[in-house]
Amino acid sequence: MVSPKKDEKVKLELANRLFFRLYQCANLLHKTGTRAVEAEGLTTQQWAVLGALSRPEAERGMSIGDLARYLMVSRQNLSGLVSRMERDGHLSTAADGRDRRSRLVTMTAPGRKLWIHQATPKIHGYYEEVLEDFSIDDVTHTLHYLLKLLDNMKRLDDATQGTTRDDER
């Protein structure tokens, strides 16, 4: 029988390996994912923004705040990205009719055409290559555990943000 202290040590060692592999995956996703769509003038960040805005529930647009929360990035980082994508003609921003202080981000017609006809086929090809030796069960289980991890990280972030906000008062 393994002692509780030994179990804890093994779990921490595995956790270190897991998070390092996640870090490596994120870096390689950025590098290889950008390569997959660079001929269309896109990066993985732009791919994520277009993907978020292509969802039916975002058809009327999303506020910068909602888009930042959905993508789990800071508003500051997203604002610069949206400005560049607006300059390139992929997105447009306009005042929200319900809240004039808020700006809605929408995909332009050329942005939608780029997304549907050029980027999406390349992205699907990328998925096929990267998940080549994954079964449907493998993908399902991986997604399950990543969502579980993400929920725990969100809970930690929310608790930390609450503490930070309380301290700032």
C-alpha atoms as a PDB file:
ATOM      1  CA  MET A   1       0.000   0.000   0.000  1.00  0.00           C
ATOM      2  CA  VAL A   2       1.252   3.481  -0.931  1.00  0.00           C
ATOM      3  CA  SER A   3       1.328   6.037   1.865  1.00  0.00           C
ATOM      4  CA  PRO A   4      -0.770   9.218   1.570  1.00  0.00           C
ATOM      5  CA  LYS A   5       2.407  11.341   1.534  1.00  0.00           C
ATOM      6  CA  LYS A   6       3.839   9.238  -1.290  1.00  0.00           C
ATOM      7  CA  ASP A   7       0.516   9.533  -3.194  1.00  0.00           C
ATOM      8  CA  GLU A   8       0.640  13.306  -2.780  1.00  0.00           C
ATOM      9  CA  LYS A   9       4.227  13.448  -4.027  1.00  0.00           C
ATOM     10  CA  VAL A  10       3.399  11.282  -7.060  1.00  0.00           C
ATOM     11  CA  LYS A  11       0.354  13.441  -7.845  1.00  0.00           C
ATOM     12  CA  LEU A  12       2.442  16.627  -7.664  1.00  0.00           C
ATOM     13  CA  GLU A  13       5.100  15.143  -9.946  1.00  0.00           C
ATOM     14  CA  LEU A  14       2.420  14.102 -12.436  1.00  0.00           C
ATOM     15  CA  ALA A  15       0.786  17.528 -12.153  1.00  0.00           C
ATOM     16  CA  ASN A  16       4.091  19.183 -12.983  1.00  0.00           C
ATOM     17  CA  ARG A  17       4.442  17.005 -16.082  1.00  0.00           C
ATOM     18  CA  LEU A  18       0.798  17.594 -17.072  1.00  0.00           C
ATOM     19  CA  PHE A  19       0.989  21.383 -16.849  1.00  0.00           C
ATOM     20  CA  PHE A  20       4.322  21.486 -18.628  1.00  0.00           C
ATOM     21  CA  ARG A  21       2.792  19.406 -21.470  1.00  0.00           C
ATOM     22  CA  LEU A  22      -0.200  21.769 -21.587  1.00  0.00           C
ATOM     23  CA  TYR A  23       2.224  24.684 -21.846  1.00  0.00           C
ATOM     24  CA  GLN A  24       4.053  22.947 -24.691  1.00  0.00           C
ATOM     25  CA  CYS A  25       0.758  22.130 -26.433  1.00  0.00           C
ATOM     26  CA  ALA A  26      -0.364  25.759 -26.192  1.00  0.00           C
ATOM     27  CA  ASN A  27       2.916  26.968 -27.680  1.00  0.00           C
ATOM     28  CA  LEU A  28       2.820  24.422 -30.506  1.00  0.00           C
ATOM     29  CA  LEU A  29      -0.862  25.149 -31.167  1.00  0.00           C
ATOM     30  CA  HIS A  30       0.049  28.792 -31.631  1.00  0.00           C
ATOM     31  CA  LYS A  31       3.023  27.965 -33.868  1.00  0.00           C
ATOM     32  CA  THR A  32       1.555  25.165 -36.019  1.00  0.00           C
ATOM     33  CA  GLY A  33      -1.989  26.553 -35.988  1.00  0.00           C
ATOM     34  CA  THR A  34      -0.775  29.910 -37.266  1.00  0.00           C
ATOM     35  CA  ARG A  35       1.163  28.108 -39.996  1.00  0.00           C
ATOM     36  CA  ALA A  36      -2.065  26.359 -41.022  1.00  0.00           C
ATOM     37  CA  VAL A  37      -3.885  29.664 -41.641  1.00  0.00           C
ATOM     38  CA  GLU A  38      -1.063  32.105 -42.374  1.00  0.00           C
ATOM     39  CA  ALA A  39      -1.741  32.022 -46.142  1.00  0.00           C
ATOM     40  CA  GLU A  40      -5.089  33.633 -45.287  1.00  0.00           C
ATOM     41  CA  GLY A  41      -3.280  36.315 -43.266  1.00  0.00           C
ATOM     42  CA  LEU A  42      -4.514  34.915 -39.946  1.00  0.00           C
ATOM     43  CA  THR A  43      -2.989  33.904 -36.618  1.00  0.00           C
ATOM     44  CA  THR A  44      -4.412  31.481 -34.060  1.00  0.00           C
ATOM     45  CA  GLN A  45      -5.688  34.462 -32.055  1.00  0.00           C
ATOM     46  CA  GLN A  46      -7.561  35.772 -35.087  1.00  0.00           C
ATOM     47  CA  TRP A  47      -8.791  32.254 -35.806  1.00  0.00           C
ATOM     48  CA  ALA A  48     -10.228  32.129 -32.264  1.00  0.00           C
ATOM     49  CA  VAL A  49     -11.962  35.507 -32.660  1.00  0.00           C
ATOM     50  CA  LEU A  50     -13.500  34.573 -36.018  1.00  0.00           C
ATOM     51  CA  GLY A  51     -14.524  31.189 -34.625  1.00  0.00           C
ATOM     52  CA  ALA A  52     -16.225  32.814 -31.636  1.00  0.00           C
ATOM     53  CA  LEU A  53     -18.059  35.311 -33.857  1.00  0.00           C
ATOM     54  CA  SER A  54     -19.103  32.612 -36.356  1.00  0.00           C
ATOM     55  CA  ARG A  55     -21.323  30.884 -33.784  1.00  0.00           C
ATOM     56  CA  PRO A  56     -25.079  31.346 -34.321  1.00  0.00           C
ATOM     57  CA  GLU A  57     -25.477  32.977 -30.893  1.00  0.00           C
ATOM     58  CA  ALA A  58     -22.923  35.650 -31.873  1.00  0.00           C
ATOM     59  CA  GLU A  59     -24.535  36.474 -35.212  1.00  0.00           C
ATOM     60  CA  ARG A  60     -25.640  39.917 -33.974  1.00  0.00           C
ATOM     61  CA  GLY A  61     -22.192  40.539 -32.525  1.00  0.00           C
ATOM     62  CA  MET A  62     -20.539  40.395 -29.137  1.00  0.00           C
ATOM     63  CA  SER A  63     -19.343  43.126 -26.840  1.00  0.00           C
ATOM     64  CA  ILE A  64     -15.585  43.336 -26.333  1.00  0.00           C
ATOM     65  CA  GLY A  65     -16.129  42.291 -22.700  1.00  0.00           C
ATOM     66  CA  ASP A  66     -18.229  39.248 -23.602  1.00  0.00           C
ATOM     67  CA  LEU A  67     -15.786  38.233 -26.324  1.00  0.00           C
ATOM     68  CA  ALA A  68     -12.846  38.608 -23.913  1.00  0.00           C
ATOM     69  CA  ARG A  69     -14.631  36.477 -21.305  1.00  0.00           C
ATOM     70  CA  TYR A  70     -15.542  33.839 -23.913  1.00  0.00           C
ATOM     71  CA  LEU A  71     -11.947  33.630 -25.182  1.00  0.00           C
ATOM     72  CA  MET A  72     -10.534  34.018 -21.641  1.00  0.00           C
ATOM     73  CA  VAL A  73      -8.197  36.838 -22.599  1.00  0.00           C
ATOM     74  CA  SER A  74      -7.803  40.350 -21.252  1.00  0.00           C
ATOM     75  CA  ARG A  75      -9.846  43.166 -22.768  1.00  0.00           C
ATOM     76  CA  GLN A  76      -6.606  45.040 -23.435  1.00  0.00           C
ATOM     77  CA  ASN A  77      -5.109  42.201 -25.508  1.00  0.00           C
ATOM     78  CA  LEU A  78      -8.380  41.676 -27.337  1.00  0.00           C
ATOM     79  CA  SER A  79      -8.846  45.384 -28.126  1.00  0.00           C
ATOM     80  CA  GLY A  80      -5.589  45.554 -30.084  1.00  0.00           C
ATOM     81  CA  LEU A  81      -6.397  42.334 -31.924  1.00  0.00           C
ATOM     82  CA  VAL A  82      -9.898  43.541 -32.822  1.00  0.00           C
ATOM     83  CA  SER A  83      -8.483  46.860 -34.052  1.00  0.00           C
ATOM     84  CA  ARG A  84      -6.049  45.058 -36.370  1.00  0.00           C
ATOM     85  CA  MET A  85      -8.787  42.736 -37.643  1.00  0.00           C
ATOM     86  CA  GLU A  86     -11.063  45.729 -38.207  1.00  0.00           C
ATOM     87  CA  ARG A  87      -8.272  47.459 -40.140  1.00  0.00           C
ATOM     88  CA  ASP A  88      -7.888  44.295 -42.261  1.00  0.00           C
ATOM     89  CA  GLY A  89     -11.626  44.283 -43.021  1.00  0.00           C
ATOM     90  CA  HIS A  90     -12.471  41.071 -41.125  1.00  0.00           C
ATOM     91  CA  LEU A  91     -14.464  42.716 -38.330  1.00  0.00           C
ATOM     92  CA  SER A  92     -16.461  45.814 -37.638  1.00  0.00           C
ATOM     93  CA  THR A  93     -17.339  47.503 -34.373  1.00  0.00           C
ATOM     94  CA  ALA A  94     -20.308  49.704 -33.646  1.00  0.00           C
ATOM     95  CA  ALA A  95     -22.078  51.105 -30.613  1.00  0.00           C
ATOM     96  CA  ASP A  96     -24.461  48.634 -29.017  1.00  0.00           C
ATOM     97  CA  GLY A  97     -28.020  49.862 -29.504  1.00  0.00           C
ATOM     98  CA  ARG A  98     -28.949  48.619 -26.013  1.00  0.00           C
ATOM     99  CA  ASP A  99     -25.913  50.113 -24.237  1.00  0.00           C
ATOM    100  CA  ARG A 100     -24.242  53.036 -26.022  1.00  0.00           C
ATOM    101  CA  ARG A 101     -21.135  52.682 -23.804  1.00  0.00           C
ATOM    102  CA  SER A 102     -20.538  49.175 -25.129  1.00  0.00           C
ATOM    103  CA  ARG A 103     -19.230  48.340 -28.604  1.00  0.00           C
ATOM    104  CA  LEU A 104     -20.402  45.283 -30.521  1.00  0.00           C
ATOM    105  CA  VAL A 105     -17.911  43.345 -32.614  1.00  0.00           C
ATOM    106  CA  THR A 106     -19.264  41.583 -35.695  1.00  0.00           C
ATOM    107  CA  MET A 107     -17.727  39.711 -38.574  1.00  0.00           C
ATOM    108  CA  THR A 108     -17.888  41.591 -41.877  1.00  0.00           C
ATOM    109  CA  ALA A 109     -19.076  39.917 -45.090  1.00  0.00           C
ATOM    110  CA  PRO A 110     -15.464  39.607 -46.329  1.00  0.00           C
ATOM    111  CA  GLY A 111     -14.457  38.269 -42.892  1.00  0.00           C
ATOM    112  CA  ARG A 112     -17.239  35.671 -43.025  1.00  0.00           C
ATOM    113  CA  LYS A 113     -16.233  34.670 -46.556  1.00  0.00           C
ATOM    114  CA  LEU A 114     -12.606  34.312 -45.427  1.00  0.00           C
ATOM    115  CA  TRP A 115     -13.706  32.268 -42.426  1.00  0.00           C
ATOM    116  CA  ILE A 116     -16.064  29.912 -44.271  1.00  0.00           C
ATOM    117  CA  HIS A 117     -14.312  29.410 -47.599  1.00  0.00           C
ATOM    118  CA  GLN A 118     -10.623  29.791 -46.794  1.00  0.00           C
ATOM    119  CA  ALA A 119      -9.836  29.380 -43.098  1.00  0.00           C
ATOM    120  CA  THR A 120     -12.288  26.647 -42.072  1.00  0.00           C
ATOM    121  CA  PRO A 121     -11.096  24.070 -44.637  1.00  0.00           C
ATOM    122  CA  LYS A 122      -7.480  24.689 -43.545  1.00  0.00           C
ATOM    123  CA  ILE A 123      -8.462  24.423 -39.882  1.00  0.00           C
ATOM    124  CA  HIS A 124     -10.303  21.163 -40.486  1.00  0.00           C
ATOM    125  CA  GLY A 125      -7.220  19.819 -42.272  1.00  0.00           C
ATOM    126  CA  TYR A 126      -5.110  20.892 -39.300  1.00  0.00           C
ATOM    127  CA  TYR A 127      -7.456  19.063 -36.904  1.00  0.00           C
ATOM    128  CA  GLU A 128      -7.276  15.924 -39.034  1.00  0.00           C
ATOM    129  CA  GLU A 129      -3.479  15.980 -39.009  1.00  0.00           C
ATOM    130  CA  VAL A 130      -3.075  16.714 -35.314  1.00  0.00           C
ATOM    131  CA  LEU A 131      -5.728  14.179 -34.247  1.00  0.00           C
ATOM    132  CA  GLU A 132      -4.664  11.566 -36.812  1.00  0.00           C
ATOM    133  CA  ASP A 133      -4.156   8.727 -34.346  1.00  0.00           C
ATOM    134  CA  PHE A 134      -6.965   9.719 -31.953  1.00  0.00           C
ATOM    135  CA  SER A 135     -10.186   7.721 -31.852  1.00  0.00           C
ATOM    136  CA  ILE A 136     -13.510   9.428 -31.209  1.00  0.00           C
ATOM    137  CA  ASP A 137     -13.285   8.063 -27.663  1.00  0.00           C
ATOM    138  CA  ASP A 138      -9.798   9.558 -27.266  1.00  0.00           C
ATOM    139  CA  VAL A 139     -11.059  12.974 -28.336  1.00  0.00           C
ATOM    140  CA  THR A 140     -14.144  12.686 -26.113  1.00  0.00           C
ATOM    141  CA  HIS A 141     -12.095  11.736 -23.053  1.00  0.00           C
ATOM    142  CA  THR A 142      -9.503  14.439 -23.705  1.00  0.00           C
ATOM    143  CA  LEU A 143     -12.244  17.039 -24.059  1.00  0.00           C
ATOM    144  CA  HIS A 144     -13.911  15.815 -20.868  1.00  0.00           C
ATOM    145  CA  TYR A 145     -10.720  16.165 -18.819  1.00  0.00           C
ATOM    146  CA  LEU A 146      -9.775  19.506 -20.350  1.00  0.00           C
ATOM    147  CA  LEU A 147     -13.243  20.876 -19.527  1.00  0.00           C
ATOM    148  CA  LYS A 148     -12.917  19.569 -15.978  1.00  0.00           C
ATOM    149  CA  LEU A 149      -9.507  21.242 -15.659  1.00  0.00           C
ATOM    150  CA  LEU A 150     -10.847  24.451 -17.207  1.00  0.00           C
ATOM    151  CA  ASP A 151     -13.765  24.556 -14.737  1.00  0.00           C
ATOM    152  CA  ASN A 152     -11.339  24.234 -11.822  1.00  0.00           C
ATOM    153  CA  MET A 153      -9.088  26.946 -13.256  1.00  0.00           C
ATOM    154  CA  LYS A 154     -12.088  29.263 -13.759  1.00  0.00           C
ATOM    155  CA  ARG A 155     -13.170  28.685 -10.178  1.00  0.00           C
ATOM    156  CA  LEU A 156      -9.641  29.554  -8.993  1.00  0.00           C
ATOM    157  CA  ASP A 157      -9.565  32.640 -11.233  1.00  0.00           C
ATOM    158  CA  ASP A 158     -12.970  33.795  -9.992  1.00  0.00           C
ATOM    159  CA  ALA A 159     -11.884  33.373  -6.367  1.00  0.00           C
ATOM    160  CA  THR A 160      -8.646  35.262  -7.045  1.00  0.00           C
ATOM    161  CA  GLN A 161     -10.454  38.035  -8.929  1.00  0.00           C
ATOM    162  CA  GLY A 162     -12.921  38.404  -6.050  1.00  0.00           C
ATOM    163  CA  THR A 163     -10.040  38.770  -3.592  1.00  0.00           C
ATOM    164  CA  THR A 164      -8.281  41.269  -5.851  1.00  0.00           C
ATOM    165  CA  ARG A 165     -11.435  43.339  -6.281  1.00  0.00           C
ATOM    166  CA  ASP A 166     -12.083  43.336  -2.529  1.00  0.00           C
ATOM    167  CA  ASP A 167      -8.493  44.457  -1.877  1.00  0.00           C
ATOM    168  CA  GLU A 168      -8.835  47.341  -4.335  1.00  0.00           C
ATOM    169  CA  ARG A 169     -11.762  48.893  -2.474  1.00  0.00           C
END
